[in-house]
Amino acid sequence: MAIPMIKFNHSIVNKLQHGCTYFKRAIHGSSGRVVDLRSDTVTQPTAAMLRAATQAATGDDVMGEDPTVNALEAYAADLFGKERALFVPTGTMGNLVS
């Protein structure tokens, strides 16, 4: 069985090789620093992030009892002019329910 070859978009490859500003920003961020997007497991929350997480109102979102999720769903429904919205935590879940 032959291994399929990946076809590259040559204009993108050329831009990457020649230092296109857009791609440099995508990789390094607008500040020029490298942005590590691997996972939240390699980052540490700030004190403000921890405070927000520990002081947030919570509840069972499956049972419709989480005020934060309820507010987010209501905001999204209003934003898109829909009757209701559903929060799902991953893009894969969103693709599955769409």
N, C-alpha and C. Protein backbone atom coordinates (compact mmCIF):
# COMPACT_ATOMS: atom_id res chain seq x y z
N MET A 1 0.84 -1.18 0.00
CA MET A 1 0.00 0.00 0.00
C MET A 1 0.88 1.24 0.00
N ALA A 2 0.64 2.10 -0.94
CA ALA A 2 1.44 3.32 -1.06
C ALA A 2 1.00 4.34 -0.02
N ILE A 3 1.96 5.07 0.49
CA ILE A 3 1.67 6.15 1.45
C ILE A 3 1.29 7.38 0.64
N PRO A 4 0.10 7.97 0.90
CA PRO A 4 -0.30 9.15 0.13
C PRO A 4 0.62 10.34 0.42
N MET A 5 0.93 11.06 -0.61
CA MET A 5 1.77 12.25 -0.46
C MET A 5 0.90 13.44 -0.09
N ILE A 6 1.40 14.27 0.77
CA ILE A 6 0.70 15.48 1.17
C ILE A 6 0.98 16.56 0.13
N LYS A 7 -0.08 17.17 -0.36
CA LYS A 7 0.09 18.26 -1.33
C LYS A 7 0.07 19.58 -0.58
N PHE A 8 1.10 20.35 -0.74
CA PHE A 8 1.20 21.63 -0.06
C PHE A 8 0.71 22.75 -0.96
N ASN A 9 0.12 23.75 -0.36
CA ASN A 9 -0.22 24.97 -1.08
C ASN A 9 1.08 25.76 -1.17
N HIS A 10 1.65 25.84 -2.36
CA HIS A 10 2.98 26.44 -2.52
C HIS A 10 3.03 27.91 -2.15
N SER A 11 1.94 28.65 -2.31
CA SER A 11 1.98 30.06 -1.93
C SER A 11 2.14 30.20 -0.43
N ILE A 12 1.50 29.30 0.33
CA ILE A 12 1.65 29.34 1.80
C ILE A 12 3.06 28.96 2.19
N VAL A 13 3.60 27.91 1.57
CA VAL A 13 4.97 27.50 1.86
C VAL A 13 5.94 28.62 1.56
N ASN A 14 5.76 29.29 0.41
CA ASN A 14 6.64 30.40 0.05
C ASN A 14 6.55 31.53 1.07
N LYS A 15 5.34 31.84 1.52
CA LYS A 15 5.18 32.90 2.51
C LYS A 15 5.86 32.53 3.81
N LEU A 16 5.74 31.27 4.21
CA LEU A 16 6.40 30.84 5.44
C LEU A 16 7.92 30.92 5.29
N GLN A 17 8.42 30.46 4.14
CA GLN A 17 9.87 30.45 3.92
C GLN A 17 10.44 31.86 3.82
N HIS A 18 9.66 32.80 3.31
CA HIS A 18 10.16 34.16 3.10
C HIS A 18 9.75 35.13 4.20
N GLY A 19 9.22 34.61 5.31
CA GLY A 19 8.98 35.46 6.47
C GLY A 19 7.78 36.37 6.38
N CYS A 20 6.70 35.92 5.77
CA CYS A 20 5.49 36.74 5.69
C CYS A 20 5.07 37.16 7.10
N THR A 21 4.81 38.44 7.30
CA THR A 21 4.42 38.98 8.61
C THR A 21 3.21 38.27 9.19
N TYR A 22 2.22 37.98 8.34
CA TYR A 22 1.00 37.32 8.82
C TYR A 22 1.33 35.99 9.50
N PHE A 23 2.15 35.18 8.83
CA PHE A 23 2.46 33.88 9.39
C PHE A 23 3.38 33.98 10.60
N LYS A 24 4.28 34.95 10.59
CA LYS A 24 5.12 35.15 11.77
C LYS A 24 4.25 35.49 12.98
N ARG A 25 3.22 36.32 12.78
CA ARG A 25 2.34 36.67 13.88
C ARG A 25 1.53 35.47 14.34
N ALA A 26 1.12 34.63 13.39
CA ALA A 26 0.34 33.44 13.75
C ALA A 26 1.16 32.51 14.62
N ILE A 27 2.46 32.46 14.36
CA ILE A 27 3.34 31.56 15.11
C ILE A 27 3.89 32.24 16.36
N HIS A 28 4.24 33.51 16.24
CA HIS A 28 4.92 34.20 17.33
C HIS A 28 4.06 35.21 18.07
N GLY A 29 2.85 35.44 17.64
CA GLY A 29 2.01 36.44 18.29
C GLY A 29 2.39 37.83 17.84
N SER A 30 1.52 38.80 18.04
CA SER A 30 1.78 40.14 17.56
C SER A 30 2.93 40.82 18.30
N SER A 31 3.24 40.32 19.50
CA SER A 31 4.33 40.92 20.27
C SER A 31 5.69 40.39 19.85
N GLY A 32 5.70 39.35 19.00
CA GLY A 32 6.97 38.77 18.59
C GLY A 32 7.40 37.62 19.49
N ARG A 33 6.70 37.43 20.62
CA ARG A 33 7.03 36.31 21.50
C ARG A 33 6.39 35.03 20.97
N VAL A 34 7.01 33.90 21.22
CA VAL A 34 6.45 32.62 20.81
C VAL A 34 5.24 32.33 21.68
N VAL A 35 4.13 31.95 21.04
CA VAL A 35 2.90 31.61 21.74
C VAL A 35 2.80 30.09 21.79
N ASP A 36 2.76 29.52 22.98
CA ASP A 36 2.67 28.08 23.16
C ASP A 36 1.21 27.68 23.25
N LEU A 37 0.67 27.06 22.21
CA LEU A 37 -0.74 26.68 22.18
C LEU A 37 -0.94 25.17 22.36
N ARG A 38 0.07 24.49 22.93
CA ARG A 38 -0.05 23.04 23.06
C ARG A 38 -1.23 22.62 23.91
N SER A 39 -1.33 23.15 25.11
CA SER A 39 -2.35 22.65 26.02
C SER A 39 -2.39 23.52 27.26
N ASP A 40 -3.52 23.44 27.97
CA ASP A 40 -3.59 24.17 29.24
C ASP A 40 -2.77 23.47 30.32
N THR A 41 -2.21 22.29 30.02
CA THR A 41 -1.41 21.58 31.00
C THR A 41 0.00 22.16 31.12
N VAL A 42 0.40 23.01 30.18
CA VAL A 42 1.73 23.60 30.25
C VAL A 42 1.70 25.04 30.73
N THR A 43 0.53 25.53 31.08
CA THR A 43 0.42 26.90 31.58
C THR A 43 -0.02 26.90 33.03
N GLN A 44 0.26 27.96 33.71
CA GLN A 44 -0.14 28.11 35.10
C GLN A 44 -1.12 29.27 35.21
N PRO A 45 -2.23 29.08 35.93
CA PRO A 45 -3.20 30.17 36.06
C PRO A 45 -2.66 31.30 36.91
N THR A 46 -3.08 32.51 36.60
CA THR A 46 -2.70 33.66 37.40
C THR A 46 -3.55 33.68 38.66
N ALA A 47 -3.21 34.52 39.59
CA ALA A 47 -4.00 34.65 40.83
C ALA A 47 -5.43 35.08 40.51
N ALA A 48 -5.59 35.99 39.55
CA ALA A 48 -6.92 36.46 39.16
C ALA A 48 -7.74 35.32 38.54
N MET A 49 -7.09 34.47 37.75
CA MET A 49 -7.79 33.34 37.15
C MET A 49 -8.25 32.36 38.23
N LEU A 50 -7.39 32.07 39.18
CA LEU A 50 -7.75 31.16 40.27
C LEU A 50 -8.89 31.74 41.10
N ARG A 51 -8.83 33.03 41.38
CA ARG A 51 -9.88 33.69 42.16
C ARG A 51 -11.22 33.61 41.42
N ALA A 52 -11.20 33.88 40.13
CA ALA A 52 -12.43 33.82 39.33
C ALA A 52 -13.00 32.40 39.32
N ALA A 53 -12.14 31.41 39.19
CA ALA A 53 -12.60 30.03 39.15
C ALA A 53 -13.17 29.57 40.49
N THR A 54 -12.52 29.97 41.57
CA THR A 54 -12.98 29.50 42.88
C THR A 54 -14.18 30.27 43.40
N GLN A 55 -14.41 31.48 42.88
CA GLN A 55 -15.54 32.28 43.34
C GLN A 55 -16.73 32.26 42.38
N ALA A 56 -16.62 31.53 41.29
CA ALA A 56 -17.70 31.49 40.30
C ALA A 56 -18.91 30.73 40.84
N ALA A 57 -20.08 31.22 40.49
CA ALA A 57 -21.30 30.49 40.83
C ALA A 57 -21.35 29.24 39.95
N THR A 58 -21.63 28.11 40.56
CA THR A 58 -21.62 26.86 39.81
C THR A 58 -22.90 26.07 40.07
N GLY A 59 -23.11 25.09 39.26
CA GLY A 59 -24.24 24.19 39.39
C GLY A 59 -24.10 23.09 38.35
N ASP A 60 -25.07 22.22 38.29
CA ASP A 60 -25.03 21.10 37.35
C ASP A 60 -25.57 21.58 36.00
N ASP A 61 -24.66 21.74 35.03
CA ASP A 61 -25.10 22.26 33.73
C ASP A 61 -25.97 21.26 32.98
N VAL A 62 -25.80 19.97 33.25
CA VAL A 62 -26.63 18.96 32.60
C VAL A 62 -28.09 19.12 33.02
N MET A 63 -28.30 19.50 34.26
CA MET A 63 -29.66 19.69 34.78
C MET A 63 -30.15 21.13 34.60
N GLY A 64 -29.34 21.97 33.93
CA GLY A 64 -29.73 23.36 33.69
C GLY A 64 -29.61 24.23 34.92
N GLU A 65 -28.74 23.85 35.85
CA GLU A 65 -28.62 24.56 37.13
C GLU A 65 -27.34 25.39 37.26
N ASP A 66 -26.54 25.49 36.19
CA ASP A 66 -25.31 26.27 36.26
C ASP A 66 -25.59 27.66 35.71
N PRO A 67 -25.58 28.69 36.58
CA PRO A 67 -25.93 30.04 36.12
C PRO A 67 -24.96 30.60 35.08
N THR A 68 -23.70 30.22 35.15
CA THR A 68 -22.73 30.72 34.17
C THR A 68 -23.02 30.14 32.78
N VAL A 69 -23.25 28.84 32.72
CA VAL A 69 -23.56 28.19 31.44
C VAL A 69 -24.90 28.71 30.91
N ASN A 70 -25.88 28.87 31.79
CA ASN A 70 -27.19 29.39 31.38
C ASN A 70 -27.06 30.79 30.78
N ALA A 71 -26.24 31.62 31.43
CA ALA A 71 -26.03 32.98 30.93
C ALA A 71 -25.31 32.97 29.59
N LEU A 72 -24.32 32.10 29.43
CA LEU A 72 -23.58 31.98 28.18
C LEU A 72 -24.50 31.52 27.05
N GLU A 73 -25.32 30.52 27.32
CA GLU A 73 -26.24 30.02 26.31
C GLU A 73 -27.27 31.10 25.92
N ALA A 74 -27.77 31.83 26.89
CA ALA A 74 -28.73 32.90 26.61
C ALA A 74 -28.08 34.00 25.77
N TYR A 75 -26.84 34.34 26.11
CA TYR A 75 -26.11 35.37 25.35
C TYR A 75 -25.90 34.91 23.91
N ALA A 76 -25.47 33.65 23.72
CA ALA A 76 -25.21 33.14 22.37
C ALA A 76 -26.51 33.09 21.55
N ALA A 77 -27.60 32.67 22.18
CA ALA A 77 -28.89 32.62 21.47
C ALA A 77 -29.29 34.02 21.02
N ASP A 78 -29.15 34.99 21.91
CA ASP A 78 -29.49 36.38 21.57
C ASP A 78 -28.57 36.93 20.48
N LEU A 79 -27.30 36.65 20.60
CA LEU A 79 -26.31 37.13 19.65
C LEU A 79 -26.61 36.65 18.23
N PHE A 80 -27.06 35.40 18.11
CA PHE A 80 -27.31 34.83 16.79
C PHE A 80 -28.79 34.84 16.41
N GLY A 81 -29.63 35.46 17.24
CA GLY A 81 -31.04 35.57 16.93
C GLY A 81 -31.77 34.25 16.94
N LYS A 82 -31.37 33.37 17.85
CA LYS A 82 -31.99 32.05 17.94
C LYS A 82 -32.79 31.95 19.23
N GLU A 83 -33.70 30.97 19.25
CA GLU A 83 -34.54 30.76 20.43
C GLU A 83 -33.72 30.24 21.61
N ARG A 84 -32.82 29.29 21.33
CA ARG A 84 -31.99 28.69 22.38
C ARG A 84 -30.59 28.44 21.84
N ALA A 85 -29.66 28.19 22.74
CA ALA A 85 -28.29 27.81 22.37
C ALA A 85 -27.86 26.68 23.28
N LEU A 86 -26.87 25.92 22.85
CA LEU A 86 -26.36 24.81 23.64
C LEU A 86 -24.85 24.94 23.75
N PHE A 87 -24.34 24.96 24.97
CA PHE A 87 -22.90 24.99 25.19
C PHE A 87 -22.36 23.57 25.15
N VAL A 88 -21.32 23.36 24.35
CA VAL A 88 -20.57 22.11 24.39
C VAL A 88 -19.10 22.47 24.56
N PRO A 89 -18.36 21.69 25.33
CA PRO A 89 -17.00 22.10 25.70
C PRO A 89 -15.92 21.89 24.63
N THR A 90 -16.22 21.18 23.55
CA THR A 90 -15.18 20.96 22.54
C THR A 90 -15.71 21.20 21.14
N GLY A 91 -14.81 21.49 20.23
CA GLY A 91 -15.19 21.66 18.83
C GLY A 91 -15.73 20.36 18.24
N THR A 92 -15.17 19.24 18.67
CA THR A 92 -15.65 17.94 18.18
C THR A 92 -17.11 17.73 18.57
N MET A 93 -17.45 18.05 19.80
CA MET A 93 -18.84 17.93 20.23
C MET A 93 -19.74 18.85 19.43
N GLY A 94 -19.28 20.06 19.17
CA GLY A 94 -20.05 20.99 18.37
C GLY A 94 -20.30 20.46 16.97
N ASN A 95 -19.28 19.85 16.37
CA ASN A 95 -19.44 19.26 15.04
C ASN A 95 -20.43 18.10 15.07
N LEU A 96 -20.39 17.31 16.13
CA LEU A 96 -21.28 16.16 16.23
C LEU A 96 -22.75 16.57 16.37
N VAL A 97 -23.02 17.63 17.12
CA VAL A 97 -24.41 18.02 17.34
C VAL A 97 -24.94 18.96 16.26
N SER A 98 -24.07 19.46 15.39
CA SER A 98 -24.55 20.40 14.37
C SER A 98 -25.19 19.70 13.20
